[in-house]
């Protein structure tokens, strides 16, 4: 009797200790996630609060050219649209079901009545939280060892490559300028990369998890397919290719931990649900970007080639090296979860260098299997104790500086009022006046930077505003610059602008540096402040 009581007490105490450890570890990762969210938000708050009188922070620290295009898309949603029109095209063409995520954020902004920048960055943080939660579930599914899961999650939260070593060498590894390559950088850069990464991780988890209820598995697969197709369509190709390779590998070369036939059938059905939810969107995207002339021109310019191999290898650095060691030395592909990690890494590297125009975009999600495989090596090193534990610590520390370089470089640009990241108060006031006073859909002639910003703040069109989203961008930019630099008689310049259907001309500090602008005497000033004058064209 006593022995049974003691055994029961021992089991109860053991369960209690196990639950205590699980809760403690959960709090550790929640704390780590909170630190990351704080780190990727704080520089924006500092940049906003630190601007001196006469300056306004743009709201973007990374790639502001694309950043303003996101706000321009949100503005269309704020106006009630669910069909996207190219905001940087003089002739936008018919609407299409593209960029639904940013149109949706515009509708959210309209419902909440908030500023677009606040809604945008709130969505960025929300997407980051979803990405981290999905990564936690993914590693729990694919990594049997808790130590490996902890290291993989730590790398996901704060890790990067060795790009910092190449500073000053003329090279630019991907961890310093390609946000989709690194989860930390994705969280710092924009609102849609974290959401897409979360959808990829959920899809992978639904495909390989051995013990999920059927409704959860199929619901997760379908919803992740829908989100991924709407937010980052090309990532559907990555998930589908990885799922195909992993499924064939598991089926043709089964291991002792292979799931039961019923589970395999559910996994296969989940893959079909994912494809059914996502592929129709891809077919629509391909169709609409081929039949609409403005979108076809945009698609032809939307080329993102992968950087040189050396920049990719340096950009993933220690994490990739350890992942490869895990594949060829530790041989973790003996488990079903390990095989998924290996399949994702292998297929991902193939797609990144496959000969098509969107190679670089295939870097999205690549860090997760790489970190998972590297986490196995970190766990083995730590378990060895002594110098191996010190080596693991050193290797992890080497993964941190690139993210610090990104943070300091971008924030310092805003604090020193770099014109790409900060605008003058007079410029911002001019945009507000245009939004309130100029008729919607008016076509405004503006310089390269101004043309990129105008559609984010007002319902107007521009001749040039974005290197991808302006059809025949190079020709349009050349024409815009030729007008501002023109020394032809005013009547000739005016005739040429009438021929391009220009309604208004924007002249700010950047535009004044482009030419003498003697032809402005033929125009009618309709607005003026200390830096900006806006002119209307007289009737032809």
Protein backbone atom coordinates (compact mmCIF):
# COMPACT_ATOMS: atom_id res chain seq x y z
CA UNK A 1 0.00 0.00 0.00
CA UNK A 2 2.74 2.37 1.03
CA UNK A 3 4.79 1.53 -2.05
CA UNK A 4 1.80 2.25 -4.33
CA UNK A 5 1.26 5.57 -2.58
CA UNK A 6 4.92 6.54 -2.96
CA UNK A 7 4.94 5.52 -6.61
CA UNK A 8 1.84 7.60 -7.26
CA UNK A 9 3.33 10.55 -5.44
CA UNK A 10 6.53 10.17 -7.45
CA UNK A 11 4.60 10.13 -10.73
CA UNK A 12 2.59 13.15 -9.64
CA UNK A 13 5.73 15.02 -8.65
CA UNK A 14 7.37 14.07 -11.94
CA UNK A 15 4.41 15.36 -13.92
CA UNK A 16 4.43 18.53 -11.85
CA UNK A 17 8.11 19.10 -12.54
CA UNK A 18 7.60 18.41 -16.25
CA UNK A 19 4.73 20.89 -16.46
CA UNK A 20 6.80 23.44 -14.55
CA UNK A 21 9.69 23.04 -16.98
CA UNK A 22 7.34 23.31 -19.97
CA UNK A 23 5.77 26.48 -18.58
CA UNK A 24 9.21 27.95 -17.86
CA UNK A 25 10.42 27.20 -21.37
CA UNK A 26 7.26 28.67 -22.86
CA UNK A 27 7.85 31.85 -20.92
CA UNK A 28 11.44 31.94 -22.17
CA UNK A 29 10.31 31.88 -25.78
CA UNK A 30 7.50 34.33 -25.14
CA UNK A 31 10.06 36.66 -23.58
CA UNK A 32 12.39 36.19 -26.55
CA UNK A 33 9.56 36.98 -28.93
CA UNK A 34 8.69 40.08 -26.93
CA UNK A 35 12.31 41.22 -27.14
CA UNK A 36 12.30 40.76 -30.92
CA UNK A 37 9.04 42.67 -31.33
CA UNK A 38 10.46 45.49 -29.23
CA UNK A 39 13.72 45.57 -31.18
CA UNK A 40 12.02 45.74 -34.59
CA UNK A 41 9.65 48.49 -33.43
CA UNK A 42 11.92 50.72 -31.33
CA UNK A 43 14.03 52.17 -34.19
CA UNK A 44 10.88 53.39 -35.95
CA UNK A 45 9.67 55.11 -32.79
CA UNK A 46 13.10 56.68 -32.26
CA UNK A 47 13.25 57.88 -35.88
CA UNK A 48 9.80 59.40 -35.56
CA UNK A 49 10.39 61.15 -32.23
CA UNK A 50 13.92 62.34 -33.01
CA UNK A 51 13.16 64.49 -36.07
CA UNK A 52 14.02 68.17 -35.60
CA UNK A 53 11.59 70.96 -36.43
CA UNK A 54 10.87 71.12 -40.15
CA UNK A 55 11.31 67.38 -40.81
CA UNK A 56 8.91 64.43 -40.87
CA UNK A 57 9.92 60.76 -40.71
CA UNK A 58 8.66 58.88 -43.75
CA UNK A 59 7.72 55.80 -41.73
CA UNK A 60 10.21 53.52 -43.50
CA UNK A 61 13.76 52.53 -42.59
CA UNK A 62 14.19 49.83 -45.24
CA UNK A 63 13.44 50.20 -48.95
CA UNK A 64 11.21 53.31 -48.77
CA UNK A 65 10.52 53.12 -52.53
CA UNK A 66 8.53 49.94 -51.97
CA UNK A 67 7.28 51.25 -48.63
CA UNK A 68 5.42 54.13 -50.24
CA UNK A 69 3.96 51.71 -52.77
CA UNK A 70 2.47 49.74 -49.86
CA UNK A 71 0.84 52.88 -48.52
CA UNK A 72 -0.43 53.68 -52.03
CA UNK A 73 -2.10 50.27 -52.17
CA UNK A 74 -3.55 50.77 -48.70
CA UNK A 75 -4.94 54.12 -49.83
CA UNK A 76 -6.91 52.33 -52.53
CA UNK A 77 -8.39 50.01 -49.89
CA UNK A 78 -9.06 53.00 -47.64
CA UNK A 79 -11.09 54.46 -50.52
CA UNK A 80 -13.25 51.33 -50.56
CA UNK A 81 -11.59 49.42 -53.42
CA UNK A 82 -11.13 45.66 -53.50
CA UNK A 83 -9.73 45.75 -57.04
CA UNK A 84 -6.13 46.91 -57.42
CA UNK A 85 -5.03 49.54 -59.92
CA UNK A 86 -1.38 50.33 -60.56
CA UNK A 87 -0.84 53.50 -58.49
CA UNK A 88 2.19 54.60 -60.50
CA UNK A 89 0.75 54.33 -64.00
CA UNK A 90 -0.62 57.23 -66.02
CA UNK A 91 -3.05 54.68 -67.50
CA UNK A 92 -3.67 52.14 -64.69
CA UNK A 93 -6.02 49.92 -66.68
CA UNK A 94 -8.82 47.77 -65.28
CA UNK A 95 -8.85 46.62 -61.66
CA UNK A 96 -7.58 43.21 -60.60
CA UNK A 97 -7.52 40.94 -57.54
CA UNK A 98 -3.88 41.60 -56.72
CA UNK A 99 -2.20 42.90 -53.54
CA UNK A 100 -5.30 42.01 -51.52
CA UNK A 101 -3.37 42.10 -48.26
CA UNK A 102 -2.58 45.79 -48.54
CA UNK A 103 -6.05 46.58 -49.86
CA UNK A 104 -7.37 44.77 -46.78
CA UNK A 105 -5.14 46.86 -44.50
CA UNK A 106 -6.58 49.96 -46.16
CA UNK A 107 -10.08 48.79 -45.28
CA UNK A 108 -8.91 48.16 -41.71
CA UNK A 109 -7.51 51.69 -41.60
CA UNK A 110 -10.82 53.08 -42.82
CA UNK A 111 -12.73 51.14 -40.17
CA UNK A 112 -10.42 52.16 -37.34
CA UNK A 113 -9.90 55.71 -38.50
CA UNK A 114 -6.15 55.47 -37.84
CA UNK A 115 -3.15 56.81 -39.68
CA UNK A 116 -1.90 54.51 -42.47
CA UNK A 117 1.58 54.25 -40.94
CA UNK A 118 0.13 53.11 -37.61
CA UNK A 119 -2.01 50.42 -39.25
CA UNK A 120 0.92 49.32 -41.43
CA UNK A 121 3.36 48.89 -38.54
CA UNK A 122 0.72 47.27 -36.34
CA UNK A 123 0.22 44.72 -39.13
CA UNK A 124 3.99 44.27 -39.34
CA UNK A 125 4.19 43.43 -35.65
CA UNK A 126 1.13 41.18 -35.84
CA UNK A 127 2.61 39.31 -38.78
CA UNK A 128 5.88 38.92 -36.89
CA UNK A 129 4.08 37.43 -33.89
CA UNK A 130 2.30 34.99 -36.22
CA UNK A 131 5.61 34.05 -37.85
CA UNK A 132 7.24 33.32 -34.50
CA UNK A 133 4.29 31.28 -33.28
CA UNK A 134 4.26 29.27 -36.51
CA UNK A 135 8.02 28.70 -36.25
CA UNK A 136 7.60 27.37 -32.71
CA UNK A 137 4.98 24.86 -33.88
CA UNK A 138 7.07 23.92 -36.92
CA UNK A 139 10.15 23.12 -34.85
CA UNK A 140 8.10 21.14 -32.33
CA UNK A 141 6.86 19.04 -35.25
CA UNK A 142 10.15 18.49 -37.08
CA UNK A 143 12.75 18.39 -34.29
CA UNK A 144 12.46 15.58 -31.72
CA UNK A 145 15.08 17.02 -29.38
CA UNK A 146 14.04 19.92 -27.13
CA UNK A 147 17.58 21.30 -27.11
CA UNK A 148 17.61 21.46 -30.91
CA UNK A 149 14.24 23.23 -30.85
CA UNK A 150 15.54 25.85 -28.44
CA UNK A 151 18.59 26.58 -30.58
CA UNK A 152 16.54 26.66 -33.79
CA UNK A 153 14.14 29.14 -32.22
CA UNK A 154 16.98 31.27 -30.88
CA UNK A 155 18.48 31.44 -34.38
CA UNK A 156 15.08 32.34 -35.82
CA UNK A 157 14.63 35.13 -33.29
CA UNK A 158 18.04 36.77 -33.50
CA UNK A 159 20.28 34.93 -35.97
CA UNK A 160 21.63 36.04 -39.31
CA UNK A 161 24.66 35.41 -41.53
CA UNK A 162 28.25 36.57 -41.77
CA UNK A 163 27.64 39.55 -44.02
CA UNK A 164 29.15 41.86 -41.40
CA UNK A 165 32.55 40.31 -42.13
CA UNK A 166 32.36 41.60 -45.71
CA UNK A 167 31.76 45.24 -44.74
CA UNK A 168 34.15 47.45 -46.66
CA UNK A 169 35.07 44.71 -49.12
CA UNK A 170 32.69 45.81 -51.87
CA UNK A 171 30.48 42.74 -51.40
CA UNK A 172 26.89 42.97 -50.15
CA UNK A 173 25.76 39.60 -48.73
CA UNK A 174 22.04 38.91 -48.64
CA UNK A 175 21.71 39.26 -44.85
CA UNK A 176 22.48 42.98 -45.18
CA UNK A 177 19.99 43.94 -47.89
CA UNK A 178 17.54 41.12 -48.77
CA UNK A 179 14.84 41.14 -46.05
CA UNK A 180 13.16 37.90 -47.13
CA UNK A 181 16.40 35.98 -46.50
CA UNK A 182 16.42 36.43 -42.70
CA UNK A 183 13.39 36.26 -40.34
CA UNK A 184 14.68 39.12 -38.17
CA UNK A 185 15.17 41.29 -41.27
CA UNK A 186 11.74 40.31 -42.60
CA UNK A 187 10.16 41.43 -39.34
CA UNK A 188 12.07 44.71 -39.47
CA UNK A 189 11.47 45.55 -43.12
CA UNK A 190 7.80 45.25 -44.07
CA UNK A 191 4.37 43.91 -43.20
CA UNK A 192 3.89 41.11 -45.73
CA UNK A 193 7.08 39.03 -45.48
CA UNK A 194 6.32 37.86 -41.90
CA UNK A 195 2.75 36.95 -42.83
CA UNK A 196 3.93 34.97 -45.85
CA UNK A 197 6.60 33.21 -43.77
CA UNK A 198 3.97 32.28 -41.17
CA UNK A 199 1.74 30.82 -43.89
CA UNK A 200 4.64 28.77 -45.27
CA UNK A 201 5.46 27.37 -41.83
CA UNK A 202 1.84 26.51 -41.08
CA UNK A 203 1.49 24.77 -44.44
CA UNK A 204 4.65 22.72 -43.82
CA UNK A 205 3.46 21.79 -40.33
CA UNK A 206 0.05 20.71 -41.60
CA UNK A 207 1.70 18.52 -44.23
CA UNK A 208 4.09 16.66 -41.92
CA UNK A 209 2.61 16.67 -38.40
CA UNK A 210 1.80 13.08 -37.41
CA UNK A 211 -0.90 13.70 -34.81
CA UNK A 212 -3.38 16.38 -35.83
CA UNK A 213 -7.14 16.21 -35.99
CA UNK A 214 -8.31 16.02 -39.56
CA UNK A 215 -10.28 19.29 -39.35
CA UNK A 216 -7.26 21.14 -37.95
CA UNK A 217 -4.91 19.71 -40.59
CA UNK A 218 -7.15 20.47 -43.54
CA UNK A 219 -8.28 23.82 -42.20
CA UNK A 220 -4.68 24.88 -41.60
CA UNK A 221 -3.59 23.70 -45.03
CA UNK A 222 -6.43 25.50 -46.80
CA UNK A 223 -6.13 28.77 -44.90
CA UNK A 224 -2.34 28.88 -45.30
CA UNK A 225 -2.74 28.24 -49.02
CA UNK A 226 -5.23 31.08 -49.37
CA UNK A 227 -3.08 33.51 -47.38
CA UNK A 228 0.09 32.60 -49.21
CA UNK A 229 -1.52 32.91 -52.63
CA UNK A 230 -2.90 36.34 -51.75
CA UNK A 231 0.19 37.72 -49.99
CA UNK A 232 3.19 36.12 -51.74
CA UNK A 233 2.03 33.87 -54.59
CA UNK A 234 5.42 32.60 -55.73
CA UNK A 235 6.00 31.08 -52.26
CA UNK A 236 3.25 28.58 -53.11
CA UNK A 237 5.72 27.06 -55.57
CA UNK A 238 8.27 26.57 -52.77
CA UNK A 239 5.77 24.84 -50.48
CA UNK A 240 4.40 22.64 -53.25
CA UNK A 241 7.87 21.61 -54.47
CA UNK A 242 9.09 20.81 -50.94
CA UNK A 243 5.92 18.86 -50.16
CA UNK A 244 6.30 16.83 -53.35
CA UNK A 245 9.94 15.94 -52.70
CA UNK A 246 9.36 15.15 -49.03
CA UNK A 247 6.24 13.09 -49.75
CA UNK A 248 7.95 11.05 -52.45
CA UNK A 249 10.99 10.50 -50.25
CA UNK A 250 8.88 9.37 -47.30
CA UNK A 251 6.74 7.10 -49.44
CA UNK A 252 9.48 5.50 -51.52
CA UNK A 253 12.06 5.16 -48.73
CA UNK A 254 10.01 4.71 -45.54
CA UNK A 255 11.72 4.83 -42.14
CA UNK A 256 10.82 3.20 -38.87
CA UNK A 257 9.15 6.41 -37.69
CA UNK A 258 7.01 6.65 -40.82
CA UNK A 259 3.41 7.58 -39.93
CA UNK A 260 0.62 5.08 -40.24
CA UNK A 261 -1.13 4.71 -43.58
CA UNK A 262 -4.17 6.62 -42.31
CA UNK A 263 -2.00 9.56 -41.29
CA UNK A 264 -0.20 9.50 -44.63
CA UNK A 265 -3.54 9.65 -46.40
CA UNK A 266 -4.51 12.65 -44.28
CA UNK A 267 -1.19 14.34 -45.10
CA UNK A 268 -1.75 13.73 -48.80
CA UNK A 269 -5.27 15.11 -48.54
CA UNK A 270 -3.91 18.19 -46.76
CA UNK A 271 -1.53 18.75 -49.66
CA UNK A 272 -4.46 18.59 -52.07
CA UNK A 273 -6.42 21.07 -49.92
CA UNK A 274 -3.43 23.44 -49.93
CA UNK A 275 -3.17 23.25 -53.72
CA UNK A 276 -6.91 23.63 -54.21
CA UNK A 277 -6.86 26.80 -52.12
CA UNK A 278 -3.79 28.36 -53.74
CA UNK A 279 -3.38 27.22 -57.33
CA UNK A 280 -6.52 28.97 -58.70
CA UNK A 281 -5.08 32.26 -57.45
CA UNK A 282 -1.79 31.56 -59.21
CA UNK A 283 -3.65 30.78 -62.43
CA UNK A 284 -5.58 34.03 -62.08
CA UNK A 285 -2.39 36.01 -61.40
CA UNK A 286 -0.73 34.58 -64.49
CA UNK A 287 -3.80 35.29 -66.61
CA UNK A 288 -4.44 38.85 -65.45
CA UNK A 289 -0.79 39.90 -65.75
CA UNK A 290 -0.77 38.69 -69.32
CA UNK A 291 -4.06 40.12 -70.63
CA UNK A 292 -3.95 43.58 -69.01
CA UNK A 293 -1.33 45.73 -70.80
CA UNK A 294 -0.38 47.81 -67.76
CA UNK A 295 0.04 44.73 -65.56
CA UNK A 296 1.91 42.91 -68.32
CA UNK A 297 4.37 45.80 -68.49
CA UNK A 298 4.74 45.72 -64.71
CA UNK A 299 5.31 41.94 -64.71
CA UNK A 300 7.96 42.21 -67.42
CA UNK A 301 9.92 44.67 -65.26
CA UNK A 302 9.42 42.81 -61.99
CA UNK A 303 12.74 40.96 -62.07
CA UNK A 304 14.58 40.03 -58.88
CA UNK A 305 17.63 37.88 -59.70
CA UNK A 306 19.54 36.12 -56.95
CA UNK A 307 22.83 37.77 -55.95
CA UNK A 308 26.11 35.92 -56.60
CA UNK A 309 26.66 32.60 -54.82
CA UNK A 310 29.32 34.08 -52.52
CA UNK A 311 26.83 36.68 -51.26
CA UNK A 312 24.26 33.97 -50.54
CA UNK A 313 26.77 31.76 -48.72
CA UNK A 314 28.04 34.67 -46.62
CA UNK A 315 24.49 35.83 -46.03
CA UNK A 316 23.60 32.54 -44.34
CA UNK A 317 27.07 31.99 -42.89
CA UNK A 318 27.40 29.81 -39.81
CA UNK A 319 23.77 28.68 -39.91
CA UNK A 320 24.07 27.23 -43.41
CA UNK A 321 27.44 25.65 -42.65
CA UNK A 322 26.06 23.85 -39.62
CA UNK A 323 22.91 22.85 -41.52
CA UNK A 324 25.04 21.18 -44.19
CA UNK A 325 27.07 19.49 -41.47
CA UNK A 326 23.83 18.19 -40.01
CA UNK A 327 22.86 16.71 -43.37
CA UNK A 328 26.16 15.09 -44.23
CA UNK A 329 27.61 14.31 -40.80
CA UNK A 330 24.83 14.06 -38.23
CA UNK A 331 22.49 12.64 -40.91
CA UNK A 332 19.25 13.82 -39.34
CA UNK A 333 17.35 12.81 -42.47
CA UNK A 334 16.79 9.49 -40.72
CA UNK A 335 13.59 10.95 -39.19
CA UNK A 336 10.49 12.11 -41.02
CA UNK A 337 10.82 15.66 -39.62
CA UNK A 338 14.51 15.74 -40.45
CA UNK A 339 13.71 14.72 -44.00
CA UNK A 340 11.33 17.66 -44.34
CA UNK A 341 14.06 20.04 -43.19
CA UNK A 342 16.53 18.53 -45.66
CA UNK A 343 13.97 18.61 -48.48
CA UNK A 344 13.14 22.27 -47.81
CA UNK A 345 16.81 23.28 -47.71
CA UNK A 346 17.65 21.34 -50.87
CA UNK A 347 14.64 22.43 -52.90
CA UNK A 348 15.04 25.99 -51.67
CA UNK A 349 18.66 26.20 -52.82
CA UNK A 350 17.64 24.82 -56.19
CA UNK A 351 14.83 27.36 -56.65
CA UNK A 352 17.03 30.26 -55.54
CA UNK A 353 19.34 29.60 -58.47
CA UNK A 354 16.78 28.28 -60.98
CA UNK A 355 16.77 30.31 -64.22
CA UNK A 356 13.68 32.52 -63.86
CA UNK A 357 13.03 36.17 -63.07
CA UNK A 358 11.95 35.86 -59.42
CA UNK A 359 14.89 33.84 -58.09
CA UNK A 360 15.66 36.10 -55.14
CA UNK A 361 12.10 35.89 -53.84
CA UNK A 362 12.64 32.17 -53.26
CA UNK A 363 14.90 33.04 -50.35
CA UNK A 364 11.73 33.62 -48.32
CA UNK A 365 11.45 30.86 -45.73
CA UNK A 366 14.88 29.36 -46.44
CA UNK A 367 16.22 30.32 -43.02
CA UNK A 368 13.75 28.11 -41.13
CA UNK A 369 14.93 24.66 -42.29
CA UNK A 370 18.49 25.94 -42.17
CA UNK A 371 18.06 27.02 -38.53
CA UNK A 372 16.32 23.74 -37.70
CA UNK A 373 19.17 21.63 -39.03
CA UNK A 374 21.76 23.92 -37.44
CA UNK A 375 19.91 23.63 -34.14
CA UNK A 376 20.63 19.90 -34.11
CA UNK A 377 24.36 20.56 -34.30
CA UNK A 378 24.18 23.26 -31.63
CA UNK A 379 22.37 20.83 -29.32
CA UNK A 380 25.00 18.14 -29.91
CA UNK A 381 27.80 20.59 -29.16
CA UNK A 382 26.21 21.77 -25.94
CA UNK A 383 25.53 18.20 -24.83
CA UNK A 384 29.26 17.49 -25.22
CA UNK A 385 30.10 20.09 -22.57
CA UNK A 386 33.48 21.73 -22.09
CA UNK A 387 35.04 23.34 -25.14
CA UNK A 388 32.15 22.18 -27.31
CA UNK A 389 29.72 24.27 -25.29
CA UNK A 390 32.04 27.27 -25.63
CA UNK A 391 32.24 26.65 -29.39
CA UNK A 392 28.45 26.62 -29.63
CA UNK A 393 28.28 29.95 -27.79
CA UNK A 394 30.93 31.49 -30.07
CA UNK A 395 29.18 30.28 -33.21
CA UNK A 396 25.89 31.72 -32.03
CA UNK A 397 27.49 35.07 -31.25
CA UNK A 398 28.87 35.17 -34.80
CA UNK A 399 25.26 35.03 -36.06
CA UNK A 400 24.25 38.29 -34.35
CA UNK A 401 26.29 41.25 -35.75
CA UNK A 402 24.62 41.47 -39.19
CA UNK A 403 21.27 42.29 -37.61
CA UNK A 404 22.97 44.95 -35.49
CA UNK A 405 24.53 46.41 -38.65
CA UNK A 406 21.10 46.59 -40.30
CA UNK A 407 19.56 48.29 -37.26
CA UNK A 408 22.29 50.88 -36.79
CA UNK A 409 22.74 51.69 -40.49
CA UNK A 410 19.06 52.27 -41.16
CA UNK A 411 18.37 54.20 -37.97
CA UNK A 412 21.41 56.42 -38.42
CA UNK A 413 20.10 57.35 -41.87
CA UNK A 414 16.85 58.58 -40.36
CA UNK A 415 18.61 60.40 -37.53
CA UNK A 416 20.81 62.29 -40.02
CA UNK A 417 17.78 63.21 -42.15
CA UNK A 418 18.72 61.24 -45.25
CA UNK A 419 16.24 62.46 -47.88
CA UNK A 420 15.21 58.91 -48.80
CA UNK A 421 13.95 58.33 -45.25
CA UNK A 422 12.88 61.80 -44.11
CA UNK A 423 10.88 64.56 -45.80
CA UNK A 424 10.47 68.22 -45.08
CA UNK A 425 7.36 69.48 -43.33
CA UNK A 426 6.61 71.69 -46.33
CA UNK A 427 6.68 68.68 -48.64
CA UNK A 428 4.30 66.77 -46.39
CA UNK A 429 1.99 69.81 -46.23
CA UNK A 430 1.94 69.97 -50.03
CA UNK A 431 0.85 66.32 -50.22
CA UNK A 432 -1.97 67.05 -47.77
CA UNK A 433 -3.14 70.00 -49.87
CA UNK A 434 -3.10 67.87 -53.02
CA UNK A 435 -5.20 65.21 -51.28
CA UNK A 436 -7.78 67.79 -50.21
CA UNK A 437 -7.90 70.19 -53.15
CA UNK A 438 -6.85 68.55 -56.41
CA UNK A 439 -9.49 66.44 -58.20
CA UNK A 440 -9.07 62.70 -57.87
CA UNK A 441 -7.26 60.87 -60.67
CA UNK A 442 -5.50 64.06 -61.76
CA UNK A 443 -2.19 63.39 -63.52
CA UNK A 444 0.74 65.17 -61.87
CA UNK A 445 4.21 65.69 -63.29
CA UNK A 446 6.76 65.20 -60.49
CA UNK A 447 10.35 64.08 -60.07
CA UNK A 448 11.41 60.52 -59.28
CA UNK A 449 11.20 60.69 -55.46
CA UNK A 450 8.10 62.88 -55.34
CA UNK A 451 6.33 60.67 -57.88
CA UNK A 452 6.98 57.69 -55.63
CA UNK A 453 5.40 59.42 -52.61
CA UNK A 454 2.41 61.23 -54.09
CA UNK A 455 0.06 58.22 -54.58
CA UNK A 456 0.67 57.21 -50.97
CA UNK A 457 -0.90 60.46 -49.75
CA UNK A 458 -3.37 61.52 -52.46
CA UNK A 459 -5.67 59.92 -55.03
CA UNK A 460 -3.66 61.11 -58.02
CA UNK A 461 -1.71 59.59 -60.89
CA UNK A 462 1.92 60.24 -61.83
CA UNK A 463 3.92 59.70 -65.01
CA UNK A 464 6.68 57.95 -63.06
CA UNK A 465 6.83 56.68 -59.48
CA UNK A 466 8.23 53.15 -59.23
CA UNK A 467 10.85 51.13 -61.16
CA UNK A 468 8.48 48.13 -61.43
CA UNK A 469 4.96 49.49 -61.04
CA UNK A 470 5.29 52.25 -63.64
CA UNK A 471 4.80 50.66 -67.08
CA UNK A 472 7.78 51.32 -69.36
CA UNK A 473 9.47 52.82 -66.31
CA UNK A 474 12.80 53.70 -67.92
CA UNK A 475 11.12 55.59 -70.78
CA UNK A 476 8.73 57.41 -68.45
CA UNK A 477 11.52 58.46 -66.09
CA UNK A 478 13.62 59.69 -68.99
CA UNK A 479 10.71 61.77 -70.29
CA UNK A 480 9.98 63.28 -66.85
CA UNK A 481 13.62 64.26 -66.40
CA UNK A 482 13.83 65.67 -69.92
CA UNK A 483 10.89 68.00 -69.20
CA UNK A 484 12.39 69.39 -66.01
CA UNK A 485 15.75 69.85 -67.74
CA UNK A 486 14.28 71.31 -70.90
CA UNK A 487 15.47 74.71 -72.08
CA UNK A 488 13.00 74.75 -74.99
CA UNK A 489 10.51 77.64 -75.36
CA UNK A 490 7.68 77.53 -72.84
CA UNK A 491 5.01 76.96 -75.49
CA UNK A 492 6.86 73.88 -76.77
CA UNK A 493 7.19 72.40 -73.28
CA UNK A 494 3.54 73.15 -72.58
CA UNK A 495 2.48 71.46 -75.81
CA UNK A 496 4.50 68.36 -74.92
CA UNK A 497 2.91 68.17 -71.48
CA UNK A 498 -0.55 68.54 -72.97
CA UNK A 499 0.33 65.67 -75.28
CA UNK A 500 0.99 63.51 -72.21
CA UNK A 501 -2.25 64.65 -70.51
CA UNK A 502 -0.50 66.39 -67.60
CA UNK A 503 -2.90 68.28 -65.29
CA UNK A 504 -0.50 69.71 -62.69
CA UNK A 505 3.23 70.18 -62.20
CA UNK A 506 4.93 69.72 -58.82
CA UNK A 507 8.08 71.75 -58.16
CA UNK A 508 9.96 71.14 -54.92
CA UNK A 509 13.62 71.32 -53.94
CA UNK A 510 14.54 68.15 -55.85
CA UNK A 511 12.79 69.27 -59.01
CA UNK A 512 14.53 72.67 -58.92
CA UNK A 513 17.94 71.01 -59.04
CA UNK A 514 17.08 69.35 -62.36
CA UNK A 515 16.98 72.43 -64.59
CA UNK A 516 16.43 76.16 -64.99
CA UNK A 517 12.63 75.66 -65.29
CA UNK A 518 12.23 78.82 -67.39
CA UNK A 519 9.08 77.35 -68.92
CA UNK A 520 7.23 77.67 -65.59
CA UNK A 521 6.23 81.19 -66.62
CA UNK A 522 3.61 79.64 -68.92
CA UNK A 523 1.92 77.81 -66.00
CA UNK A 524 -0.51 78.93 -63.33
CA UNK A 525 0.57 78.58 -59.66
CA UNK A 526 -2.27 77.10 -57.59
CA UNK A 527 -0.43 76.38 -54.33
CA UNK A 528 2.77 77.56 -52.72
CA UNK A 529 4.62 77.21 -49.43
CA UNK A 530 8.24 77.84 -48.46
CA UNK A 531 9.57 74.83 -50.43
CA UNK A 532 6.90 73.65 -52.86
CA UNK A 533 4.92 75.24 -55.67
CA UNK A 534 2.21 73.43 -57.58
CA UNK A 535 1.23 74.66 -61.03
CA UNK A 536 -1.83 74.04 -63.14
CA UNK A 537 -1.67 73.90 -66.92
CA UNK A 538 -3.70 76.40 -68.92
CA UNK A 539 -6.20 74.94 -71.35
CA UNK A 540 -4.63 73.96 -74.70
